[in-house]
Amino acid sequence: MQILAISKPRNVEEIRLLYNHHQLRARVFSDRLGWEVDVIGDYKSDCFDALEPTYILAVSDDGQVVGCARLLPAQGSTMLADVFPSLLPSGGLRAHTGMIESSRFCVDTTIEEGRGGGKIHEATLTMFAGIVEWSIAHRFTEIVTVTDLRFERILARVGWPLQRLGEPKEIGATMAVAGILPANRDTWLNLRHANYRSNIIHPF
């Protein structure tokens, strides 16, 4: 399993991987979680995909996208500020140049590769480490995100606790919470597992 970071696809293979990632989002958010998201056929996208984000993808040994997340600078248009402002304190997000938003994080935990004997699927840990590694490489120090309480517990379990920006609120069928995660070398080393591989060029 390997982490790839793709902004603008450079070849046919990267186009295929990005399409594969939109299919994974449809399967997870619409089919499995039952969220009210726009899906056309087997393809999930939204207006934030038009803002030239960077996609972090976990790709299995057989070339399938098994995990993904979308990264956008927090000083621009973000899901948290534009879609979920009710999760923010009265002062708003207070974004800065060192803050990136991670959204549409999902992992296919049904795959056998990386299942192992641990409580957390290797694909999930791979995605965590990949997001942090890319953030460090691009001089981001904080990652802001919206998640649910179950996933917040997973973050705490792996030693990457969420610093809440406000109290959890019910959004649809989910108890959602917004928070900040650190992006630094110690966090990356803690999250990185023995099989971790990536194509991200970083300064350390």
C-alpha atoms as a PDB file:
ATOM      1  CA  MET A   1       0.000   0.000   0.000  1.00  0.00           C
ATOM      2  CA  GLN A   2       1.340   3.395  -0.995  1.00  0.00           C
ATOM      3  CA  ILE A   3       0.394   7.029  -0.498  1.00  0.00           C
ATOM      4  CA  LEU A   4       0.096   9.217  -3.582  1.00  0.00           C
ATOM      5  CA  ALA A   5      -0.543  12.960  -3.631  1.00  0.00           C
ATOM      6  CA  ILE A   6      -2.290  14.211  -6.775  1.00  0.00           C
ATOM      7  CA  SER A   7      -3.280  17.798  -7.566  1.00  0.00           C
ATOM      8  CA  LYS A   8      -3.564  18.076 -11.319  1.00  0.00           C
ATOM      9  CA  PRO A   9      -3.378  14.598 -12.901  1.00  0.00           C
ATOM     10  CA  ARG A  10      -0.285  14.280 -15.088  1.00  0.00           C
ATOM     11  CA  ASN A  11      -1.086  11.085 -16.960  1.00  0.00           C
ATOM     12  CA  VAL A  12      -3.787   8.508 -17.724  1.00  0.00           C
ATOM     13  CA  GLU A  13      -2.977   6.492 -14.610  1.00  0.00           C
ATOM     14  CA  GLU A  14      -3.501   9.475 -12.300  1.00  0.00           C
ATOM     15  CA  ILE A  15      -6.795  10.257 -14.081  1.00  0.00           C
ATOM     16  CA  ARG A  16      -7.873   6.659 -13.411  1.00  0.00           C
ATOM     17  CA  LEU A  17      -6.887   6.890  -9.750  1.00  0.00           C
ATOM     18  CA  LEU A  18      -8.835  10.114  -9.254  1.00  0.00           C
ATOM     19  CA  TYR A  19     -11.920   8.588 -10.861  1.00  0.00           C
ATOM     20  CA  ASN A  20     -11.443   5.535  -8.626  1.00  0.00           C
ATOM     21  CA  HIS A  21     -11.309   7.861  -5.623  1.00  0.00           C
ATOM     22  CA  HIS A  22     -14.650   9.493  -6.553  1.00  0.00           C
ATOM     23  CA  GLN A  23     -16.157   5.998  -6.780  1.00  0.00           C
ATOM     24  CA  LEU A  24     -14.835   5.165  -3.303  1.00  0.00           C
ATOM     25  CA  ARG A  25     -16.420   8.342  -1.934  1.00  0.00           C
ATOM     26  CA  ALA A  26     -19.777   7.305  -3.431  1.00  0.00           C
ATOM     27  CA  ARG A  27     -19.556   3.822  -1.925  1.00  0.00           C
ATOM     28  CA  VAL A  28     -18.605   5.052   1.534  1.00  0.00           C
ATOM     29  CA  PHE A  29     -20.634   8.228   1.985  1.00  0.00           C
ATOM     30  CA  SER A  30     -23.778   7.307   0.051  1.00  0.00           C
ATOM     31  CA  ASP A  31     -23.993   3.506   0.042  1.00  0.00           C
ATOM     32  CA  ARG A  32     -22.440   2.621   3.403  1.00  0.00           C
ATOM     33  CA  LEU A  33     -23.083   5.661   5.607  1.00  0.00           C
ATOM     34  CA  GLY A  34     -26.310   6.787   3.945  1.00  0.00           C
ATOM     35  CA  TRP A  35     -25.360  10.462   3.907  1.00  0.00           C
ATOM     36  CA  GLU A  36     -27.308  12.882   1.724  1.00  0.00           C
ATOM     37  CA  VAL A  37     -24.609  13.562  -0.858  1.00  0.00           C
ATOM     38  CA  ASP A  38     -24.783  14.116  -4.585  1.00  0.00           C
ATOM     39  CA  VAL A  39     -23.912  10.961  -6.513  1.00  0.00           C
ATOM     40  CA  ILE A  40     -24.125  10.621 -10.294  1.00  0.00           C
ATOM     41  CA  GLY A  41     -23.999   6.957 -11.213  1.00  0.00           C
ATOM     42  CA  ASP A  42     -21.146   5.619  -9.104  1.00  0.00           C
ATOM     43  CA  TYR A  43     -19.307   8.967  -8.906  1.00  0.00           C
ATOM     44  CA  LYS A  44     -19.303  11.390  -5.932  1.00  0.00           C
ATOM     45  CA  SER A  45     -18.090  14.976  -6.246  1.00  0.00           C
ATOM     46  CA  ASP A  46     -19.057  18.442  -5.037  1.00  0.00           C
ATOM     47  CA  CYS A  47     -18.232  22.097  -5.662  1.00  0.00           C
ATOM     48  CA  PHE A  48     -15.019  21.933  -3.611  1.00  0.00           C
ATOM     49  CA  ASP A  49     -13.523  19.504  -6.117  1.00  0.00           C
ATOM     50  CA  ALA A  50     -13.487  22.403  -8.600  1.00  0.00           C
ATOM     51  CA  LEU A  51     -11.085  24.424  -6.407  1.00  0.00           C
ATOM     52  CA  GLU A  52      -7.969  22.501  -7.478  1.00  0.00           C
ATOM     53  CA  PRO A  53      -7.444  20.607  -4.212  1.00  0.00           C
ATOM     54  CA  THR A  54      -4.732  18.093  -3.507  1.00  0.00           C
ATOM     55  CA  TYR A  55      -5.976  14.528  -3.075  1.00  0.00           C
ATOM     56  CA  ILE A  56      -4.160  12.138  -0.767  1.00  0.00           C
ATOM     57  CA  LEU A  57      -4.771   8.583  -1.961  1.00  0.00           C
ATOM     58  CA  ALA A  58      -3.879   5.244  -0.389  1.00  0.00           C
ATOM     59  CA  VAL A  59      -3.377   2.809  -3.258  1.00  0.00           C
ATOM     60  CA  SER A  60      -3.297  -0.950  -2.757  1.00  0.00           C
ATOM     61  CA  ASP A  61      -0.675  -3.235  -4.282  1.00  0.00           C
ATOM     62  CA  ASP A  62      -3.142  -4.138  -7.047  1.00  0.00           C
ATOM     63  CA  GLY A  63      -3.642  -0.474  -7.978  1.00  0.00           C
ATOM     64  CA  GLN A  64      -6.990   0.275  -6.325  1.00  0.00           C
ATOM     65  CA  VAL A  65      -7.742   3.390  -4.277  1.00  0.00           C
ATOM     66  CA  VAL A  66      -8.538   2.184  -0.748  1.00  0.00           C
ATOM     67  CA  GLY A  67      -8.364   5.508   1.059  1.00  0.00           C
ATOM     68  CA  CYS A  68      -8.677   9.174   0.178  1.00  0.00           C
ATOM     69  CA  ALA A  69      -8.860  12.701   1.522  1.00  0.00           C
ATOM     70  CA  ARG A  70      -9.152  16.159  -0.036  1.00  0.00           C
ATOM     71  CA  LEU A  71      -6.905  19.011   1.095  1.00  0.00           C
ATOM     72  CA  LEU A  72      -7.642  22.722   0.582  1.00  0.00           C
ATOM     73  CA  PRO A  73      -5.996  25.808   2.145  1.00  0.00           C
ATOM     74  CA  ALA A  74      -8.117  26.880   5.102  1.00  0.00           C
ATOM     75  CA  GLN A  75      -7.900  30.567   4.166  1.00  0.00           C
ATOM     76  CA  GLY A  76      -9.961  29.880   1.047  1.00  0.00           C
ATOM     77  CA  SER A  77     -13.352  28.292   0.571  1.00  0.00           C
ATOM     78  CA  THR A  78     -13.719  25.223   2.804  1.00  0.00           C
ATOM     79  CA  MET A  79     -16.427  22.766   3.819  1.00  0.00           C
ATOM     80  CA  LEU A  80     -16.114  23.784   7.458  1.00  0.00           C
ATOM     81  CA  ALA A  81     -16.591  27.510   6.865  1.00  0.00           C
ATOM     82  CA  ASP A  82     -19.082  27.257   4.002  1.00  0.00           C
ATOM     83  CA  VAL A  83     -21.107  24.116   4.797  1.00  0.00           C
ATOM     84  CA  PHE A  84     -20.679  23.518   8.542  1.00  0.00           C
ATOM     85  CA  PRO A  85     -20.259  26.999  10.096  1.00  0.00           C
ATOM     86  CA  SER A  86     -22.538  25.971  12.986  1.00  0.00           C
ATOM     87  CA  LEU A  87     -19.656  23.803  14.273  1.00  0.00           C
ATOM     88  CA  LEU A  88     -17.402  26.840  14.653  1.00  0.00           C
ATOM     89  CA  PRO A  89     -17.181  29.131  17.686  1.00  0.00           C
ATOM     90  CA  SER A  90     -18.543  32.657  17.410  1.00  0.00           C
ATOM     91  CA  GLY A  91     -15.152  33.966  16.315  1.00  0.00           C
ATOM     92  CA  GLY A  92     -15.175  31.770  13.234  1.00  0.00           C
ATOM     93  CA  LEU A  93     -12.337  29.606  11.956  1.00  0.00           C
ATOM     94  CA  ARG A  94      -9.423  32.036  12.314  1.00  0.00           C
ATOM     95  CA  ALA A  95      -7.585  30.372   9.462  1.00  0.00           C
ATOM     96  CA  HIS A  96      -3.940  31.192   8.751  1.00  0.00           C
ATOM     97  CA  THR A  97      -1.364  30.383   6.078  1.00  0.00           C
ATOM     98  CA  GLY A  98      -0.167  27.322   7.988  1.00  0.00           C
ATOM     99  CA  MET A  99      -3.622  25.695   8.129  1.00  0.00           C
ATOM    100  CA  ILE A 100      -5.027  23.172   5.642  1.00  0.00           C
ATOM    101  CA  GLU A 101      -8.511  21.640   5.609  1.00  0.00           C
ATOM    102  CA  SER A 102      -8.914  17.893   5.221  1.00  0.00           C
ATOM    103  CA  SER A 103     -12.334  16.785   3.992  1.00  0.00           C
ATOM    104  CA  ARG A 104     -14.043  13.754   2.441  1.00  0.00           C
ATOM    105  CA  PHE A 105     -11.737  11.362   4.319  1.00  0.00           C
ATOM    106  CA  CYS A 106     -12.746   7.767   3.754  1.00  0.00           C
ATOM    107  CA  VAL A 107     -11.191   4.300   3.767  1.00  0.00           C
ATOM    108  CA  ASP A 108     -12.326   0.965   2.384  1.00  0.00           C
ATOM    109  CA  THR A 109     -11.784  -1.154   5.504  1.00  0.00           C
ATOM    110  CA  THR A 110     -13.257  -4.249   3.823  1.00  0.00           C
ATOM    111  CA  ILE A 111     -10.063  -4.987   1.889  1.00  0.00           C
ATOM    112  CA  GLU A 112      -7.831  -7.789   3.142  1.00  0.00           C
ATOM    113  CA  GLU A 113      -4.547  -5.982   2.445  1.00  0.00           C
ATOM    114  CA  GLY A 114      -3.476  -4.207   5.618  1.00  0.00           C
ATOM    115  CA  ARG A 115      -6.109  -5.791   7.840  1.00  0.00           C
ATOM    116  CA  GLY A 116      -3.535  -7.532  10.066  1.00  0.00           C
ATOM    117  CA  GLY A 117      -4.215  -8.108  13.731  1.00  0.00           C
ATOM    118  CA  GLY A 118      -4.436  -4.501  14.850  1.00  0.00           C
ATOM    119  CA  LYS A 119      -7.607  -2.699  15.863  1.00  0.00           C
ATOM    120  CA  ILE A 120      -7.051   0.073  13.308  1.00  0.00           C
ATOM    121  CA  HIS A 121      -6.882  -0.905   9.624  1.00  0.00           C
ATOM    122  CA  GLU A 122      -3.500  -0.214   8.038  1.00  0.00           C
ATOM    123  CA  ALA A 123      -5.202   1.807   5.294  1.00  0.00           C
ATOM    124  CA  THR A 124      -6.484   4.237   7.926  1.00  0.00           C
ATOM    125  CA  LEU A 125      -3.037   4.653   9.500  1.00  0.00           C
ATOM    126  CA  THR A 126      -1.510   5.029   6.029  1.00  0.00           C
ATOM    127  CA  MET A 127      -3.934   7.858   5.241  1.00  0.00           C
ATOM    128  CA  PHE A 128      -3.235   9.615   8.541  1.00  0.00           C
ATOM    129  CA  ALA A 129       0.524   9.505   7.974  1.00  0.00           C
ATOM    130  CA  GLY A 130       0.149  10.585   4.337  1.00  0.00           C
ATOM    131  CA  ILE A 131      -1.927  13.646   5.213  1.00  0.00           C
ATOM    132  CA  VAL A 132       0.598  14.712   7.850  1.00  0.00           C
ATOM    133  CA  GLU A 133       3.583  14.071   5.579  1.00  0.00           C
ATOM    134  CA  TRP A 134       2.117  16.131   2.723  1.00  0.00           C
ATOM    135  CA  SER A 135       1.191  18.937   5.128  1.00  0.00           C
ATOM    136  CA  ILE A 136       4.724  19.135   6.530  1.00  0.00           C
ATOM    137  CA  ALA A 137       6.234  19.061   3.042  1.00  0.00           C
ATOM    138  CA  HIS A 138       4.100  22.071   2.073  1.00  0.00           C
ATOM    139  CA  ARG A 139       4.710  24.019   5.300  1.00  0.00           C
ATOM    140  CA  PHE A 140       1.312  23.478   6.890  1.00  0.00           C
ATOM    141  CA  THR A 141       1.373  23.040  10.662  1.00  0.00           C
ATOM    142  CA  GLU A 142      -2.327  22.503  11.402  1.00  0.00           C
ATOM    143  CA  ILE A 143      -5.057  20.429   9.801  1.00  0.00           C
ATOM    144  CA  VAL A 144      -8.660  21.473  10.371  1.00  0.00           C
ATOM    145  CA  THR A 145     -11.452  18.998   9.764  1.00  0.00           C
ATOM    146  CA  VAL A 146     -15.028  17.988  10.490  1.00  0.00           C
ATOM    147  CA  THR A 147     -15.606  14.471  11.730  1.00  0.00           C
ATOM    148  CA  ASP A 148     -17.983  12.421  13.855  1.00  0.00           C
ATOM    149  CA  LEU A 149     -17.573  11.274  17.450  1.00  0.00           C
ATOM    150  CA  ARG A 150     -16.697   7.703  16.484  1.00  0.00           C
ATOM    151  CA  PHE A 151     -13.844   8.881  14.289  1.00  0.00           C
ATOM    152  CA  GLU A 152     -12.729  11.335  16.952  1.00  0.00           C
ATOM    153  CA  ARG A 153     -12.208   8.333  19.257  1.00  0.00           C
ATOM    154  CA  ILE A 154     -10.126   6.601  16.562  1.00  0.00           C
ATOM    155  CA  LEU A 155      -7.886   9.670  16.313  1.00  0.00           C
ATOM    156  CA  ALA A 156      -7.363   9.641  20.073  1.00  0.00           C
ATOM    157  CA  ARG A 157      -6.633   5.908  20.038  1.00  0.00           C
ATOM    158  CA  VAL A 158      -3.767   6.288  17.547  1.00  0.00           C
ATOM    159  CA  GLY A 159      -2.242   9.199  19.467  1.00  0.00           C
ATOM    160  CA  TRP A 160      -3.448  12.024  17.198  1.00  0.00           C
ATOM    161  CA  PRO A 161      -6.146  13.681  19.340  1.00  0.00           C
ATOM    162  CA  LEU A 162      -8.475  16.286  17.882  1.00  0.00           C
ATOM    163  CA  GLN A 163      -8.483  19.725  19.488  1.00  0.00           C
ATOM    164  CA  ARG A 164     -12.154  20.646  19.355  1.00  0.00           C
ATOM    165  CA  LEU A 165     -13.182  24.044  18.047  1.00  0.00           C
ATOM    166  CA  GLY A 166     -16.674  23.767  19.518  1.00  0.00           C
ATOM    167  CA  GLU A 167     -19.205  21.366  20.948  1.00  0.00           C
ATOM    168  CA  PRO A 168     -20.513  18.441  18.857  1.00  0.00           C
ATOM    169  CA  LYS A 169     -23.787  19.048  17.056  1.00  0.00           C
ATOM    170  CA  GLU A 170     -26.232  16.768  15.308  1.00  0.00           C
ATOM    171  CA  ILE A 171     -26.011  17.160  11.540  1.00  0.00           C
ATOM    172  CA  GLY A 172     -28.342  14.793   9.734  1.00  0.00           C
ATOM    173  CA  ALA A 173     -27.885  11.401  11.369  1.00  0.00           C
ATOM    174  CA  THR A 174     -24.370  12.226  12.610  1.00  0.00           C
ATOM    175  CA  MET A 175     -22.998  13.860  15.747  1.00  0.00           C
ATOM    176  CA  ALA A 176     -20.359  16.043  14.110  1.00  0.00           C
ATOM    177  CA  VAL A 177     -17.489  18.021  15.594  1.00  0.00           C
ATOM    178  CA  ALA A 178     -14.893  20.370  14.115  1.00  0.00           C
ATOM    179  CA  GLY A 179     -11.317  20.432  15.316  1.00  0.00           C
ATOM    180  CA  ILE A 180      -7.642  20.901  14.628  1.00  0.00           C
ATOM    181  CA  LEU A 181      -4.931  18.254  14.305  1.00  0.00           C
ATOM    182  CA  PRO A 182      -1.191  18.962  14.511  1.00  0.00           C
ATOM    183  CA  ALA A 183       1.080  18.352  11.525  1.00  0.00           C
ATOM    184  CA  ASN A 184       4.682  17.898  12.635  1.00  0.00           C
ATOM    185  CA  ARG A 185       7.511  15.407  12.371  1.00  0.00           C
ATOM    186  CA  ASP A 186       6.838  13.717  15.728  1.00  0.00           C
ATOM    187  CA  THR A 187       3.197  13.133  14.772  1.00  0.00           C
ATOM    188  CA  TRP A 188       4.225  11.694  11.411  1.00  0.00           C
ATOM    189  CA  LEU A 189       6.755   9.337  12.996  1.00  0.00           C
ATOM    190  CA  ASN A 190       4.141   8.177  15.497  1.00  0.00           C
ATOM    191  CA  LEU A 191       1.523   7.473  12.801  1.00  0.00           C
ATOM    192  CA  ARG A 192       3.863   5.930  10.220  1.00  0.00           C
ATOM    193  CA  HIS A 193       3.845   2.110  10.306  1.00  0.00           C
ATOM    194  CA  ALA A 194       6.488  -0.350   9.094  1.00  0.00           C
ATOM    195  CA  ASN A 195       4.885  -0.865   5.654  1.00  0.00           C
ATOM    196  CA  TYR A 196       4.313   2.838   4.966  1.00  0.00           C
ATOM    197  CA  ARG A 197       5.393   4.091   1.524  1.00  0.00           C
ATOM    198  CA  SER A 198       4.690   7.381  -0.246  1.00  0.00           C
ATOM    199  CA  ASN A 199       5.668   9.462  -3.278  1.00  0.00           C
ATOM    200  CA  ILE A 200       5.693  12.691  -1.250  1.00  0.00           C
ATOM    201  CA  ILE A 201       8.955  14.632  -1.324  1.00  0.00           C
ATOM    202  CA  HIS A 202       9.651  16.124   2.089  1.00  0.00           C
ATOM    203  CA  PRO A 203      12.518  18.003   3.741  1.00  0.00           C
ATOM    204  CA  PHE A 204      13.403  15.428   6.413  1.00  0.00           C
END
